[in-house]
C-alpha atoms as a PDB file:
ATOM      1  CA  MET A   1     105.919  90.133  73.835  1.00  0.00           C
ATOM      2  CA  PHE A   2     107.076  87.953  76.690  1.00  0.00           C
ATOM      3  CA  TRP A   3     109.797  90.369  77.716  1.00  0.00           C
ATOM      4  CA  VAL A   4     107.360  93.285  77.801  1.00  0.00           C
ATOM      5  CA  LEU A   5     105.131  91.278  80.256  1.00  0.00           C
ATOM      6  CA  LYS A   6     108.249  90.377  82.305  1.00  0.00           C
ATOM      7  CA  GLY A   7     109.344  94.077  82.532  1.00  0.00           C
ATOM      8  CA  MET A   8     105.948  95.291  83.664  1.00  0.00           C
ATOM      9  CA  ALA A   9     105.786  92.451  86.282  1.00  0.00           C
ATOM     10  CA  MET A  10     109.405  93.524  87.471  1.00  0.00           C
ATOM     11  CA  LEU A  11     108.190  97.268  87.847  1.00  0.00           C
ATOM     12  CA  ILE A  12     105.171  96.265  89.728  1.00  0.00           C
ATOM     13  CA  ALA A  13     107.241  94.031  92.129  1.00  0.00           C
ATOM     14  CA  ALA A  14     109.699  96.820  92.688  1.00  0.00           C
ATOM     15  CA  PHE A  15     106.835  99.156  93.727  1.00  0.00           C
ATOM     16  CA  HIS A  16     105.354  96.566  96.183  1.00  0.00           C
ATOM     17  CA  LYS A  17     108.933  95.604  97.476  1.00  0.00           C
ATOM     18  CA  TYR A  18     109.083  98.989  98.927  1.00  0.00           C
ATOM     19  CA  SER A  19     105.525 100.228  99.534  1.00  0.00           C
ATOM     20  CA  GLY A  20     104.136  99.573 102.943  1.00  0.00           C
ATOM     21  CA  LYS A  21     107.277  99.381 104.935  1.00  0.00           C
ATOM     22  CA  GLU A  22     106.248 102.533 106.654  1.00  0.00           C
ATOM     23  CA  GLY A  23     102.438 102.369 106.630  1.00  0.00           C
ATOM     24  CA  ASP A  24     100.008 102.062 103.754  1.00  0.00           C
ATOM     25  CA  LYS A  25     100.941  99.047 101.552  1.00  0.00           C
ATOM     26  CA  THR A  26      99.565 100.540  98.562  1.00  0.00           C
ATOM     27  CA  THR A  27     101.670 103.726  98.637  1.00  0.00           C
ATOM     28  CA  LEU A  28     105.397 104.850  98.902  1.00  0.00           C
ATOM     29  CA  SER A  29     106.365 107.332 101.648  1.00  0.00           C
ATOM     30  CA  LYS A  30     109.277 109.689 100.947  1.00  0.00           C
ATOM     31  CA  GLY A  31     111.714 107.242 102.822  1.00  0.00           C
ATOM     32  CA  GLU A  32     110.400 104.222 100.878  1.00  0.00           C
ATOM     33  CA  LEU A  33     110.742 106.050  97.601  1.00  0.00           C
ATOM     34  CA  LYS A  34     114.271 106.987  98.527  1.00  0.00           C
ATOM     35  CA  ASP A  35     115.041 103.293  99.183  1.00  0.00           C
ATOM     36  CA  LEU A  36     113.506 102.220  95.810  1.00  0.00           C
ATOM     37  CA  LEU A  37     115.349 105.018  93.889  1.00  0.00           C
ATOM     38  CA  THR A  38     118.659 104.177  95.501  1.00  0.00           C
ATOM     39  CA  ALA A  39     118.378 100.272  95.441  1.00  0.00           C
ATOM     40  CA  GLU A  40     116.710  99.820  92.060  1.00  0.00           C
ATOM     41  CA  LEU A  41     117.601 102.938  90.112  1.00  0.00           C
ATOM     42  CA  GLY A  42     120.854 103.917  91.559  1.00  0.00           C
ATOM     43  CA  ASP A  43     122.903 103.225  88.495  1.00  0.00           C
ATOM     44  CA  ILE A  44     120.741 105.591  86.410  1.00  0.00           C
ATOM     45  CA  LEU A  45     120.237 108.176  89.034  1.00  0.00           C
ATOM     46  CA  GLY A  46     123.763 108.153  90.424  1.00  0.00           C
ATOM     47  CA  LYS A  47     123.042 107.052  93.937  1.00  0.00           C
ATOM     48  CA  SER A  48     122.675 110.731  94.995  1.00  0.00           C
ATOM     49  CA  GLN A  49     122.111 111.457  98.642  1.00  0.00           C
ATOM     50  CA  ASP A  50     120.886 114.913  97.833  1.00  0.00           C
ATOM     51  CA  LYS A  51     117.937 115.488 100.119  1.00  0.00           C
ATOM     52  CA  ALA A  52     116.695 118.642  98.123  1.00  0.00           C
ATOM     53  CA  ALA A  53     116.661 116.481  94.864  1.00  0.00           C
ATOM     54  CA  LEU A  54     114.780 113.774  96.564  1.00  0.00           C
ATOM     55  CA  ASP A  55     112.220 116.375  98.040  1.00  0.00           C
ATOM     56  CA  LYS A  56     111.729 117.782  94.532  1.00  0.00           C
ATOM     57  CA  ILE A  57     111.188 114.380  92.995  1.00  0.00           C
ATOM     58  CA  PHE A  58     108.800 113.401  95.713  1.00  0.00           C
ATOM     59  CA  LYS A  59     106.761 116.661  95.540  1.00  0.00           C
ATOM     60  CA  ASP A  60     106.728 116.406  91.776  1.00  0.00           C
ATOM     61  CA  LEU A  61     105.442 112.867  91.749  1.00  0.00           C
ATOM     62  CA  ASP A  62     102.681 113.399  94.549  1.00  0.00           C
ATOM     63  CA  ALA A  63     100.312 114.991  92.142  1.00  0.00           C
ATOM     64  CA  ASN A  64      97.345 114.844  94.567  1.00  0.00           C
ATOM     65  CA  ALA A  65      99.524 116.258  97.291  1.00  0.00           C
ATOM     66  CA  ASP A  66      98.583 113.656  99.833  1.00  0.00           C
ATOM     67  CA  GLY A  67     102.124 113.073 101.184  1.00  0.00           C
ATOM     68  CA  SER A  68     102.527 109.716  99.483  1.00  0.00           C
ATOM     69  CA  VAL A  69     103.321 108.299  95.999  1.00  0.00           C
ATOM     70  CA  ASP A  70     100.657 105.886  94.855  1.00  0.00           C
ATOM     71  CA  PHE A  71     101.161 103.349  91.953  1.00  0.00           C
ATOM     72  CA  GLN A  72      99.852 105.672  89.377  1.00  0.00           C
ATOM     73  CA  GLU A  73     102.112 108.385  90.484  1.00  0.00           C
ATOM     74  CA  TYR A  74     105.041 105.885  90.432  1.00  0.00           C
ATOM     75  CA  VAL A  75     104.337 104.902  86.850  1.00  0.00           C
ATOM     76  CA  THR A  76     104.696 108.468  86.008  1.00  0.00           C
ATOM     77  CA  LEU A  77     108.249 108.389  87.356  1.00  0.00           C
ATOM     78  CA  ILE A  78     108.867 105.186  85.386  1.00  0.00           C
ATOM     79  CA  ALA A  79     107.524 106.771  82.094  1.00  0.00           C
ATOM     80  CA  CYS A  80     109.776 109.886  82.419  1.00  0.00           C
ATOM     81  CA  ILE A  81     112.841 107.883  83.133  1.00  0.00           C
ATOM     82  CA  THR A  82     112.151 105.717  80.196  1.00  0.00           C
ATOM     83  CA  MET A  83     111.711 108.726  77.887  1.00  0.00           C
ATOM     84  CA  LEU A  84     115.026 110.069  79.065  1.00  0.00           C
ATOM     85  CA  CYS A  85     116.834 106.962  78.450  1.00  0.00           C
ATOM     86  CA  ASN A  86     115.353 106.607  75.150  1.00  0.00           C
ATOM     87  CA  GLU A  87     116.570 110.033  74.144  1.00  0.00           C
ATOM     88  CA  PHE A  88     119.977 109.354  75.482  1.00  0.00           C
ATOM     89  CA  PHE A  89     120.353 106.031  73.619  1.00  0.00           C
ATOM     90  CA  THR A  90     118.849 107.439  70.290  1.00  0.00           C
ATOM     91  CA  LYS A  91     121.324 110.333  70.338  1.00  0.00           C
ATOM     92  CA  LYS A  92     124.273 108.078  70.503  1.00  0.00           C
END
């Protein structure tokens, strides 16, 4: 059970490491999201510099269309990536 709690703490810490650098400390701007994805998930996402792909990810995550990604919207991203990883590893 400890590793589950540690994993959750790491996901929370990653969000707060990048949120607020450009304004509201409880949300991610598009630039902050790009920095988080590149630095923390680059190995999974392939360190793509594709602006169109980033724009789509940001738009899809910003469920309430307020121009930022809050923690709940960020968790949606983490859940989707986790599901894709699970599918990848269970097919091997």
